Amino acid sequence: MADDEIHVGDKGLELRATIKNSGTAVDISAATVKLFLFRKPDATVATNTASFLTAGTDGVLYFTTPTTTTLDQAGKWQLQSRVEFSGNVFHSDWYEFKVHKNLE
């Protein structure tokens, strides 16, 4: 059994993304807006507020799934983070992950 499998209904799952520019992490500590954008298998997009993992100087954001309905579909998901500060808007690369069905 894989330790890193994600399943429909997983609550408390921590997802992370790093904002980079030319391969180098961007200092996002001054960000006033921090978001995780999820594209679900049915192509709908859900927007969730993200948080700094540390102080933001490492470019890392995280989001913890708050309910059992956050990951509500099995299939291929995409994740992109977005930050805004000093009149600038930055996005991470798209990350893909699979959400597996449950037996029940």
PDB file of N, CA and C in Angstrom:
ATOM      1  N   MET A   1       0.846  -1.168   0.000  1.00  0.00           N
ATOM      2  CA  MET A   1       0.000   0.000   0.000  1.00  0.00           C
ATOM      3  C   MET A   1       0.896   1.237   0.000  1.00  0.00           C
ATOM      4  N   ALA A   2       0.557   2.190  -0.840  1.00  0.00           N
ATOM      5  CA  ALA A   2       1.362   3.415  -0.938  1.00  0.00           C
ATOM      6  C   ALA A   2       1.048   4.354   0.209  1.00  0.00           C
ATOM      7  N   ASP A   3       2.087   4.920   0.809  1.00  0.00           N
ATOM      8  CA  ASP A   3       1.907   5.862   1.905  1.00  0.00           C
ATOM      9  C   ASP A   3       1.436   7.223   1.435  1.00  0.00           C
ATOM     10  N   ASP A   4       1.664   7.540   0.166  1.00  0.00           N
ATOM     11  CA  ASP A   4       1.354   8.875  -0.318  1.00  0.00           C
ATOM     12  C   ASP A   4       0.091   8.945  -1.163  1.00  0.00           C
ATOM     13  N   GLU A   5      -0.742   7.914  -1.155  1.00  0.00           N
ATOM     14  CA  GLU A   5      -1.986   7.949  -1.908  1.00  0.00           C
ATOM     15  C   GLU A   5      -2.952   8.930  -1.279  1.00  0.00           C
ATOM     16  N   ILE A   6      -3.643   9.662  -2.126  1.00  0.00           N
ATOM     17  CA  ILE A   6      -4.672  10.600  -1.700  1.00  0.00           C
ATOM     18  C   ILE A   6      -6.009  10.001  -2.099  1.00  0.00           C
ATOM     19  N   HIS A   7      -6.992  10.093  -1.196  1.00  0.00           N
ATOM     20  CA  HIS A   7      -8.311   9.505  -1.462  1.00  0.00           C
ATOM     21  C   HIS A   7      -9.426  10.536  -1.336  1.00  0.00           C
ATOM     22  N   VAL A   8     -10.516  10.263  -2.050  1.00  0.00           N
ATOM     23  CA  VAL A   8     -11.715  11.084  -1.912  1.00  0.00           C
ATOM     24  C   VAL A   8     -12.076  11.157  -0.432  1.00  0.00           C
ATOM     25  N   GLY A   9     -12.347  12.357   0.046  1.00  0.00           N
ATOM     26  CA  GLY A   9     -12.771  12.540   1.431  1.00  0.00           C
ATOM     27  C   GLY A   9     -11.646  12.688   2.439  1.00  0.00           C
ATOM     28  N   ASP A  10     -10.385  12.633   2.000  1.00  0.00           N
ATOM     29  CA  ASP A  10      -9.284  12.805   2.956  1.00  0.00           C
ATOM     30  C   ASP A  10      -9.376  14.191   3.607  1.00  0.00           C
ATOM     31  N   LYS A  11      -9.361  14.216   4.906  1.00  0.00           N
ATOM     32  CA  LYS A  11      -9.422  15.451   5.694  1.00  0.00           C
ATOM     33  C   LYS A  11      -8.116  15.565   6.473  1.00  0.00           C
ATOM     34  N   GLY A  12      -7.549  16.776   6.530  1.00  0.00           N
ATOM     35  CA  GLY A  12      -6.303  16.976   7.247  1.00  0.00           C
ATOM     36  C   GLY A  12      -5.064  16.728   6.398  1.00  0.00           C
ATOM     37  N   LEU A  13      -5.243  16.574   5.089  1.00  0.00           N
ATOM     38  CA  LEU A  13      -4.128  16.355   4.175  1.00  0.00           C
ATOM     39  C   LEU A  13      -3.432  17.686   3.908  1.00  0.00           C
ATOM     40  N   GLU A  14      -2.122  17.749   4.099  1.00  0.00           N
ATOM     41  CA  GLU A  14      -1.364  18.973   3.845  1.00  0.00           C
ATOM     42  C   GLU A  14      -0.739  18.923   2.460  1.00  0.00           C
ATOM     43  N   LEU A  15      -1.086  19.913   1.646  1.00  0.00           N
ATOM     44  CA  LEU A  15      -0.532  20.050   0.306  1.00  0.00           C
ATOM     45  C   LEU A  15       0.361  21.284   0.285  1.00  0.00           C
ATOM     46  N   ARG A  16       1.495  21.207  -0.418  1.00  0.00           N
ATOM     47  CA  ARG A  16       2.459  22.309  -0.467  1.00  0.00           C
ATOM     48  C   ARG A  16       2.801  22.657  -1.907  1.00  0.00           C
ATOM     49  N   ALA A  17       3.139  23.920  -2.128  1.00  0.00           N
ATOM     50  CA  ALA A  17       3.616  24.381  -3.434  1.00  0.00           C
ATOM     51  C   ALA A  17       4.643  25.480  -3.204  1.00  0.00           C
ATOM     52  N   THR A  18       5.591  25.595  -4.122  1.00  0.00           N
ATOM     53  CA  THR A  18       6.641  26.603  -4.024  1.00  0.00           C
ATOM     54  C   THR A  18       6.557  27.548  -5.213  1.00  0.00           C
ATOM     55  N   ILE A  19       6.536  28.838  -4.930  1.00  0.00           N
ATOM     56  CA  ILE A  19       6.567  29.861  -5.974  1.00  0.00           C
ATOM     57  C   ILE A  19       8.028  30.060  -6.364  1.00  0.00           C
ATOM     58  N   LYS A  20       8.329  29.848  -7.651  1.00  0.00           N
ATOM     59  CA  LYS A  20       9.706  29.981  -8.131  1.00  0.00           C
ATOM     60  C   LYS A  20       9.749  30.886  -9.352  1.00  0.00           C
ATOM     61  N   ASN A  21      10.898  31.513  -9.541  1.00  0.00           N
ATOM     62  CA  ASN A  21      11.178  32.288 -10.729  1.00  0.00           C
ATOM     63  C   ASN A  21      12.507  31.794 -11.280  1.00  0.00           C
ATOM     64  N   SER A  22      12.484  31.240 -12.484  1.00  0.00           N
ATOM     65  CA  SER A  22      13.680  30.659 -13.105  1.00  0.00           C
ATOM     66  C   SER A  22      14.342  29.631 -12.199  1.00  0.00           C
ATOM     67  N   GLY A  23      13.532  28.837 -11.524  1.00  0.00           N
ATOM     68  CA  GLY A  23      14.041  27.763 -10.686  1.00  0.00           C
ATOM     69  C   GLY A  23      14.437  28.163  -9.280  1.00  0.00           C
ATOM     70  N   THR A  24      14.352  29.450  -8.956  1.00  0.00           N
ATOM     71  CA  THR A  24      14.720  29.928  -7.631  1.00  0.00           C
ATOM     72  C   THR A  24      13.473  30.346  -6.860  1.00  0.00           C
ATOM     73  N   ALA A  25      13.373  29.930  -5.612  1.00  0.00           N
ATOM     74  CA  ALA A  25      12.223  30.280  -4.787  1.00  0.00           C
ATOM     75  C   ALA A  25      12.113  31.795  -4.646  1.00  0.00           C
ATOM     76  N   VAL A  26      10.873  32.298  -4.728  1.00  0.00           N
ATOM     77  CA  VAL A  26      10.592  33.726  -4.603  1.00  0.00           C
ATOM     78  C   VAL A  26      10.238  34.034  -3.151  1.00  0.00           C
ATOM     79  N   ASP A  27      10.790  35.099  -2.614  1.00  0.00           N
ATOM     80  CA  ASP A  27      10.422  35.560  -1.272  1.00  0.00           C
ATOM     81  C   ASP A  27       9.022  36.144  -1.350  1.00  0.00           C
ATOM     82  N   ILE A  28       8.056  35.445  -0.785  1.00  0.00           N
ATOM     83  CA  ILE A  28       6.657  35.873  -0.832  1.00  0.00           C
ATOM     84  C   ILE A  28       6.166  36.347   0.534  1.00  0.00           C
ATOM     85  N   SER A  29       7.097  36.662   1.417  1.00  0.00           N
ATOM     86  CA  SER A  29       6.735  37.034   2.790  1.00  0.00           C
ATOM     87  C   SER A  29       5.839  38.260   2.869  1.00  0.00           C
ATOM     88  N   ALA A  30       5.841  39.111   1.845  1.00  0.00           N
ATOM     89  CA  ALA A  30       5.000  40.308   1.849  1.00  0.00           C
ATOM     90  C   ALA A  30       3.649  40.079   1.172  1.00  0.00           C
ATOM     91  N   ALA A  31       3.349  38.848   0.808  1.00  0.00           N
ATOM     92  CA  ALA A  31       2.101  38.555   0.086  1.00  0.00           C
ATOM     93  C   ALA A  31       0.875  38.906   0.922  1.00  0.00           C
ATOM     94  N   THR A  32      -0.049  39.604   0.288  1.00  0.00           N
ATOM     95  CA  THR A  32      -1.317  39.947   0.934  1.00  0.00           C
ATOM     96  C   THR A  32      -2.421  38.976   0.543  1.00  0.00           C
ATOM     97  N   VAL A  33      -2.229  38.274  -0.569  1.00  0.00           N
ATOM     98  CA  VAL A  33      -3.167  37.246  -1.030  1.00  0.00           C
ATOM     99  C   VAL A  33      -2.368  35.971  -1.261  1.00  0.00           C
ATOM    100  N   LYS A  34      -2.842  34.864  -0.684  1.00  0.00           N
ATOM    101  CA  LYS A  34      -2.189  33.556  -0.838  1.00  0.00           C
ATOM    102  C   LYS A  34      -3.294  32.534  -1.111  1.00  0.00           C
ATOM    103  N   LEU A  35      -3.291  31.953  -2.307  1.00  0.00           N
ATOM    104  CA  LEU A  35      -4.371  31.053  -2.702  1.00  0.00           C
ATOM    105  C   LEU A  35      -3.844  29.751  -3.279  1.00  0.00           C
ATOM    106  N   PHE A  36      -4.642  28.700  -3.132  1.00  0.00           N
ATOM    107  CA  PHE A  36      -4.444  27.445  -3.842  1.00  0.00           C
ATOM    108  C   PHE A  36      -5.650  27.291  -4.767  1.00  0.00           C
ATOM    109  N   LEU A  37      -5.372  27.092  -6.044  1.00  0.00           N
ATOM    110  CA  LEU A  37      -6.418  26.874  -7.039  1.00  0.00           C
ATOM    111  C   LEU A  37      -6.396  25.401  -7.420  1.00  0.00           C
ATOM    112  N   PHE A  38      -7.524  24.738  -7.278  1.00  0.00           N
ATOM    113  CA  PHE A  38      -7.638  23.317  -7.612  1.00  0.00           C
ATOM    114  C   PHE A  38      -8.529  23.164  -8.839  1.00  0.00           C
ATOM    115  N   ARG A  39      -8.032  22.469  -9.864  1.00  0.00           N
ATOM    116  CA  ARG A  39      -8.882  22.081 -10.983  1.00  0.00           C
ATOM    117  C   ARG A  39      -9.227  20.622 -10.768  1.00  0.00           C
ATOM    118  N   LYS A  40     -10.524  20.388 -10.606  1.00  0.00           N
ATOM    119  CA  LYS A  40     -11.022  19.044 -10.324  1.00  0.00           C
ATOM    120  C   LYS A  40     -11.135  18.236 -11.621  1.00  0.00           C
ATOM    121  N   PRO A  41     -11.342  16.944 -11.512  1.00  0.00           N
ATOM    122  CA  PRO A  41     -11.481  16.105 -12.711  1.00  0.00           C
ATOM    123  C   PRO A  41     -12.617  16.542 -13.641  1.00  0.00           C
ATOM    124  N   ASP A  42     -13.661  17.171 -13.090  1.00  0.00           N
ATOM    125  CA  ASP A  42     -14.769  17.635 -13.939  1.00  0.00           C
ATOM    126  C   ASP A  42     -14.508  19.030 -14.511  1.00  0.00           C
ATOM    127  N   ALA A  43     -13.299  19.569 -14.335  1.00  0.00           N
ATOM    128  CA  ALA A  43     -12.830  20.856 -14.866  1.00  0.00           C
ATOM    129  C   ALA A  43     -13.294  22.071 -14.072  1.00  0.00           C
ATOM    130  N   THR A  44     -14.047  21.883 -12.999  1.00  0.00           N
ATOM    131  CA  THR A  44     -14.392  23.023 -12.158  1.00  0.00           C
ATOM    132  C   THR A  44     -13.159  23.425 -11.354  1.00  0.00           C
ATOM    133  N   VAL A  45     -13.092  24.699 -10.996  1.00  0.00           N
ATOM    134  CA  VAL A  45     -11.957  25.213 -10.230  1.00  0.00           C
ATOM    135  C   VAL A  45     -12.447  25.679  -8.866  1.00  0.00           C
ATOM    136  N   ALA A  46     -11.759  25.237  -7.826  1.00  0.00           N
ATOM    137  CA  ALA A  46     -12.054  25.660  -6.452  1.00  0.00           C
ATOM    138  C   ALA A  46     -10.875  26.484  -5.953  1.00  0.00           C
ATOM    139  N   THR A  47     -11.173  27.591  -5.295  1.00  0.00           N
ATOM    140  CA  THR A  47     -10.144  28.476  -4.763  1.00  0.00           C
ATOM    141  C   THR A  47     -10.154  28.403  -3.250  1.00  0.00           C
ATOM    142  N   ASN A  48      -8.980  28.195  -2.657  1.00  0.00           N
ATOM    143  CA  ASN A  48      -8.854  28.079  -1.207  1.00  0.00           C
ATOM    144  C   ASN A  48      -7.718  28.962  -0.716  1.00  0.00           C
ATOM    145  N   THR A  49      -7.878  29.511   0.476  1.00  0.00           N
ATOM    146  CA  THR A  49      -6.839  30.330   1.082  1.00  0.00           C
ATOM    147  C   THR A  49      -5.696  29.444   1.553  1.00  0.00           C
ATOM    148  N   ALA A  50      -4.480  29.839   1.191  1.00  0.00           N
ATOM    149  CA  ALA A  50      -3.271  29.113   1.595  1.00  0.00           C
ATOM    150  C   ALA A  50      -2.567  29.885   2.699  1.00  0.00           C
ATOM    151  N   SER A  51      -1.569  29.263   3.298  1.00  0.00           N
ATOM    152  CA  SER A  51      -0.787  29.874   4.380  1.00  0.00           C
ATOM    153  C   SER A  51       0.691  29.677   4.106  1.00  0.00           C
ATOM    154  N   PHE A  52       1.513  30.500   4.758  1.00  0.00           N
ATOM    155  CA  PHE A  52       2.958  30.299   4.687  1.00  0.00           C
ATOM    156  C   PHE A  52       3.309  29.057   5.483  1.00  0.00           C
ATOM    157  N   LEU A  53       4.246  28.271   4.976  1.00  0.00           N
ATOM    158  CA  LEU A  53       4.740  27.134   5.741  1.00  0.00           C
ATOM    159  C   LEU A  53       5.673  27.640   6.834  1.00  0.00           C
ATOM    160  N   THR A  54       6.527  28.594   6.477  1.00  0.00           N
ATOM    161  CA  THR A  54       7.415  29.237   7.455  1.00  0.00           C
ATOM    162  C   THR A  54       7.075  30.727   7.421  1.00  0.00           C
ATOM    163  N   ALA A  55       8.019  31.564   7.086  1.00  0.00           N
ATOM    164  CA  ALA A  55       7.765  33.007   7.030  1.00  0.00           C
ATOM    165  C   ALA A  55       7.504  33.497   5.612  1.00  0.00           C
ATOM    166  N   GLY A  56       7.565  32.609   4.628  1.00  0.00           N
ATOM    167  CA  GLY A  56       7.332  32.980   3.244  1.00  0.00           C
ATOM    168  C   GLY A  56       8.589  33.309   2.465  1.00  0.00           C
ATOM    169  N   THR A  57       9.711  33.438   3.135  1.00  0.00           N
ATOM    170  CA  THR A  57      10.958  33.755   2.430  1.00  0.00           C
ATOM    171  C   THR A  57      11.430  32.607   1.542  1.00  0.00           C
ATOM    172  N   ASP A  58      10.947  31.399   1.828  1.00  0.00           N
ATOM    173  CA  ASP A  58      11.320  30.216   1.039  1.00  0.00           C
ATOM    174  C   ASP A  58      10.364  29.955  -0.126  1.00  0.00           C
ATOM    175  N   GLY A  59       9.340  30.807  -0.276  1.00  0.00           N
ATOM    176  CA  GLY A  59       8.391  30.664  -1.371  1.00  0.00           C
ATOM    177  C   GLY A  59       7.360  29.565  -1.190  1.00  0.00           C
ATOM    178  N   VAL A  60       7.336  28.929  -0.026  1.00  0.00           N
ATOM    179  CA  VAL A  60       6.470  27.764   0.170  1.00  0.00           C
ATOM    180  C   VAL A  60       5.138  28.152   0.822  1.00  0.00           C
ATOM    181  N   LEU A  61       4.073  27.659   0.219  1.00  0.00           N
ATOM    182  CA  LEU A  61       2.720  27.794   0.759  1.00  0.00           C
ATOM    183  C   LEU A  61       2.171  26.402   1.047  1.00  0.00           C
ATOM    184  N   TYR A  62       1.197  26.355   1.953  1.00  0.00           N
ATOM    185  CA  TYR A  62       0.529  25.075   2.187  1.00  0.00           C
ATOM    186  C   TYR A  62      -0.952  25.298   2.402  1.00  0.00           C
ATOM    187  N   PHE A  63      -1.684  24.216   2.239  1.00  0.00           N
ATOM    188  CA  PHE A  63      -3.129  24.182   2.463  1.00  0.00           C
ATOM    189  C   PHE A  63      -3.451  22.821   3.048  1.00  0.00           C
ATOM    190  N   THR A  64      -4.244  22.809   4.095  1.00  0.00           N
ATOM    191  CA  THR A  64      -4.675  21.556   4.708  1.00  0.00           C
ATOM    192  C   THR A  64      -6.159  21.371   4.417  1.00  0.00           C
ATOM    193  N   THR A  65      -6.510  20.226   3.847  1.00  0.00           N
ATOM    194  CA  THR A  65      -7.918  19.986   3.509  1.00  0.00           C
ATOM    195  C   THR A  65      -8.758  20.015   4.783  1.00  0.00           C
ATOM    196  N   PRO A  66      -9.705  20.976   4.864  1.00  0.00           N
ATOM    197  CA  PRO A  66     -10.436  21.193   6.112  1.00  0.00           C
ATOM    198  C   PRO A  66     -11.634  20.272   6.344  1.00  0.00           C
ATOM    199  N   THR A  67     -12.172  19.693   5.274  1.00  0.00           N
ATOM    200  CA  THR A  67     -13.364  18.860   5.425  1.00  0.00           C
ATOM    201  C   THR A  67     -13.249  17.614   4.546  1.00  0.00           C
ATOM    202  N   THR A  68     -14.166  16.696   4.745  1.00  0.00           N
ATOM    203  CA  THR A  68     -14.188  15.487   3.925  1.00  0.00           C
ATOM    204  C   THR A  68     -14.784  15.759   2.542  1.00  0.00           C
ATOM    205  N   THR A  69     -15.285  16.960   2.304  1.00  0.00           N
ATOM    206  CA  THR A  69     -15.864  17.288   0.996  1.00  0.00           C
ATOM    207  C   THR A  69     -14.918  18.118   0.126  1.00  0.00           C
ATOM    208  N   THR A  70     -13.724  18.438   0.617  1.00  0.00           N
ATOM    209  CA  THR A  70     -12.781  19.230  -0.177  1.00  0.00           C
ATOM    210  C   THR A  70     -12.312  18.443  -1.390  1.00  0.00           C
ATOM    211  N   LEU A  71     -11.851  17.223  -1.179  1.00  0.00           N
ATOM    212  CA  LEU A  71     -11.443  16.338  -2.276  1.00  0.00           C
ATOM    213  C   LEU A  71     -12.628  15.429  -2.572  1.00  0.00           C
ATOM    214  N   ASP A  72     -13.522  15.915  -3.412  1.00  0.00           N
ATOM    215  CA  ASP A  72     -14.819  15.265  -3.590  1.00  0.00           C
ATOM    216  C   ASP A  72     -14.961  14.441  -4.863  1.00  0.00           C
ATOM    217  N   GLN A  73     -13.882  14.321  -5.635  1.00  0.00           N
ATOM    218  CA  GLN A  73     -13.955  13.565  -6.879  1.00  0.00           C
ATOM    219  C   GLN A  73     -12.694  12.727  -7.069  1.00  0.00           C
ATOM    220  N   ALA A  74     -12.897  11.521  -7.558  1.00  0.00           N
ATOM    221  CA  ALA A  74     -11.745  10.684  -7.917  1.00  0.00           C
ATOM    222  C   ALA A  74     -11.257  11.085  -9.301  1.00  0.00           C
ATOM    223  N   GLY A  75      -9.950  10.981  -9.500  1.00  0.00           N
ATOM    224  CA  GLY A  75      -9.387  11.282 -10.812  1.00  0.00           C
ATOM    225  C   GLY A  75      -8.193  12.208 -10.717  1.00  0.00           C
ATOM    226  N   LYS A  76      -7.816  12.780 -11.862  1.00  0.00           N
ATOM    227  CA  LYS A  76      -6.650  13.652 -11.947  1.00  0.00           C
ATOM    228  C   LYS A  76      -7.036  15.081 -11.536  1.00  0.00           C
ATOM    229  N   TRP A  77      -6.324  15.601 -10.552  1.00  0.00           N
ATOM    230  CA  TRP A  77      -6.499  16.969 -10.084  1.00  0.00           C
ATOM    231  C   TRP A  77      -5.275  17.777 -10.477  1.00  0.00           C
ATOM    232  N   GLN A  78      -5.452  19.090 -10.550  1.00  0.00           N
ATOM    233  CA  GLN A  78      -4.334  20.002 -10.761  1.00  0.00           C
ATOM    234  C   GLN A  78      -4.373  21.062  -9.662  1.00  0.00           C
ATOM    235  N   LEU A  79      -3.194  21.512  -9.274  1.00  0.00           N
ATOM    236  CA  LEU A  79      -3.049  22.511  -8.220  1.00  0.00           C
ATOM    237  C   LEU A  79      -2.108  23.606  -8.703  1.00  0.00           C
ATOM    238  N   GLN A  80      -2.504  24.839  -8.461  1.00  0.00           N
ATOM    239  CA  GLN A  80      -1.624  25.975  -8.726  1.00  0.00           C
ATOM    240  C   GLN A  80      -1.787  26.949  -7.574  1.00  0.00           C
ATOM    241  N   SER A  81      -0.679  27.490  -7.098  1.00  0.00           N
ATOM    242  CA  SER A  81      -0.765  28.510  -6.054  1.00  0.00           C
ATOM    243  C   SER A  81      -0.621  29.883  -6.695  1.00  0.00           C
ATOM    244  N   ARG A  82      -1.201  30.880  -6.005  1.00  0.00           N
ATOM    245  CA  ARG A  82      -1.181  32.266  -6.490  1.00  0.00           C
ATOM    246  C   ARG A  82      -0.922  33.177  -5.306  1.00  0.00           C
ATOM    247  N   VAL A  83      -0.030  34.149  -5.485  1.00  0.00           N
ATOM    248  CA  VAL A  83       0.230  35.151  -4.456  1.00  0.00           C
ATOM    249  C   VAL A  83       0.212  36.534  -5.095  1.00  0.00           C
ATOM    250  N   GLU A  84      -0.185  37.520  -4.285  1.00  0.00           N
ATOM    251  CA  GLU A  84      -0.201  38.903  -4.738  1.00  0.00           C
ATOM    252  C   GLU A  84       0.481  39.765  -3.683  1.00  0.00           C
ATOM    253  N   PHE A  85       1.379  40.635  -4.143  1.00  0.00           N
ATOM    254  CA  PHE A  85       2.023  41.614  -3.257  1.00  0.00           C
ATOM    255  C   PHE A  85       2.713  42.687  -4.085  1.00  0.00           C
ATOM    256  N   SER A  86       2.771  43.882  -3.540  1.00  0.00           N
ATOM    257  CA  SER A  86       3.435  45.027  -4.183  1.00  0.00           C
ATOM    258  C   SER A  86       2.975  45.228  -5.625  1.00  0.00           C
ATOM    259  N   GLY A  87       1.691  45.007  -5.872  1.00  0.00           N
ATOM    260  CA  GLY A  87       1.160  45.181  -7.213  1.00  0.00           C
ATOM    261  C   GLY A  87       1.501  44.069  -8.183  1.00  0.00           C
ATOM    262  N   ASN A  88       2.146  43.017  -7.713  1.00  0.00           N
ATOM    263  CA  ASN A  88       2.521  41.886  -8.561  1.00  0.00           C
ATOM    264  C   ASN A  88       1.664  40.667  -8.245  1.00  0.00           C
ATOM    265  N   VAL A  89       1.504  39.828  -9.252  1.00  0.00           N
ATOM    266  CA  VAL A  89       0.797  38.556  -9.099  1.00  0.00           C
ATOM    267  C   VAL A  89       1.719  37.456  -9.605  1.00  0.00           C
ATOM    268  N   PHE A  90       1.942  36.434  -8.777  1.00  0.00           N
ATOM    269  CA  PHE A  90       2.789  35.305  -9.159  1.00  0.00           C
ATOM    270  C   PHE A  90       2.000  34.011  -9.006  1.00  0.00           C
ATOM    271  N   HIS A  91       2.268  33.078  -9.923  1.00  0.00           N
ATOM    272  CA  HIS A  91       1.651  31.751  -9.899  1.00  0.00           C
ATOM    273  C   HIS A  91       2.745  30.692  -9.876  1.00  0.00           C
ATOM    274  N   SER A  92       2.461  29.585  -9.220  1.00  0.00           N
ATOM    275  CA  SER A  92       3.365  28.440  -9.279  1.00  0.00           C
ATOM    276  C   SER A  92       3.103  27.679 -10.568  1.00  0.00           C
ATOM    277  N   ASP A  93       3.952  26.708 -10.847  1.00  0.00           N
ATOM    278  CA  ASP A  93       3.663  25.763 -11.915  1.00  0.00           C
ATOM    279  C   ASP A  93       2.424  24.968 -11.511  1.00  0.00           C
ATOM    280  N   TRP A  94       1.825  24.298 -12.501  1.00  0.00           N
ATOM    281  CA  TRP A  94       0.731  23.377 -12.199  1.00  0.00           C
ATOM    282  C   TRP A  94       1.332  22.075 -11.677  1.00  0.00           C
ATOM    283  N   TYR A  95       0.744  21.572 -10.618  1.00  0.00           N
ATOM    284  CA  TYR A  95       1.114  20.257 -10.088  1.00  0.00           C
ATOM    285  C   TYR A  95      -0.082  19.342 -10.300  1.00  0.00           C
ATOM    286  N   GLU A  96       0.178  18.129 -10.756  1.00  0.00           N
ATOM    287  CA  GLU A  96      -0.904  17.168 -10.932  1.00  0.00           C
ATOM    288  C   GLU A  96      -0.796  16.085  -9.869  1.00  0.00           C
ATOM    289  N   PHE A  97      -1.960  15.649  -9.398  1.00  0.00           N
ATOM    290  CA  PHE A  97      -1.999  14.541  -8.456  1.00  0.00           C
ATOM    291  C   PHE A  97      -3.290  13.775  -8.662  1.00  0.00           C
ATOM    292  N   LYS A  98      -3.265  12.527  -8.267  1.00  0.00           N
ATOM    293  CA  LYS A  98      -4.430  11.667  -8.450  1.00  0.00           C
ATOM    294  C   LYS A  98      -5.128  11.477  -7.108  1.00  0.00           C
ATOM    295  N   VAL A  99      -6.444  11.581  -7.158  1.00  0.00           N
ATOM    296  CA  VAL A  99      -7.271  11.278  -5.997  1.00  0.00           C
ATOM    297  C   VAL A  99      -7.953   9.948  -6.286  1.00  0.00           C
ATOM    298  N   HIS A 100      -7.720   8.989  -5.404  1.00  0.00           N
ATOM    299  CA  HIS A 100      -8.226   7.627  -5.589  1.00  0.00           C
ATOM    300  C   HIS A 100      -9.622   7.445  -4.992  1.00  0.00           C
ATOM    301  N   LYS A 101     -10.369   6.522  -5.575  1.00  0.00           N
ATOM    302  CA  LYS A 101     -11.674   6.134  -5.046  1.00  0.00           C
ATOM    303  C   LYS A 101     -11.497   5.374  -3.747  1.00  0.00           C
ATOM    304  N   ASN A 102     -12.550   5.283  -2.974  1.00  0.00           N
ATOM    305  CA  ASN A 102     -12.587   4.464  -1.758  1.00  0.00           C
ATOM    306  C   ASN A 102     -13.426   3.235  -2.003  1.00  0.00           C
ATOM    307  N   LEU A 103     -13.280   2.238  -1.170  1.00  0.00           N
ATOM    308  CA  LEU A 103     -14.091   1.025  -1.287  1.00  0.00           C
ATOM    309  C   LEU A 103     -15.522   1.258  -0.848  1.00  0.00           C
ATOM    310  N   GLU A 104     -15.720   2.181   0.056  1.00  0.00           N
ATOM    311  CA  GLU A 104     -17.070   2.419   0.571  1.00  0.00           C
ATOM    312  C   GLU A 104     -17.758   3.539  -0.128  1.00  0.00           C
TER     313      GLU A 104
END
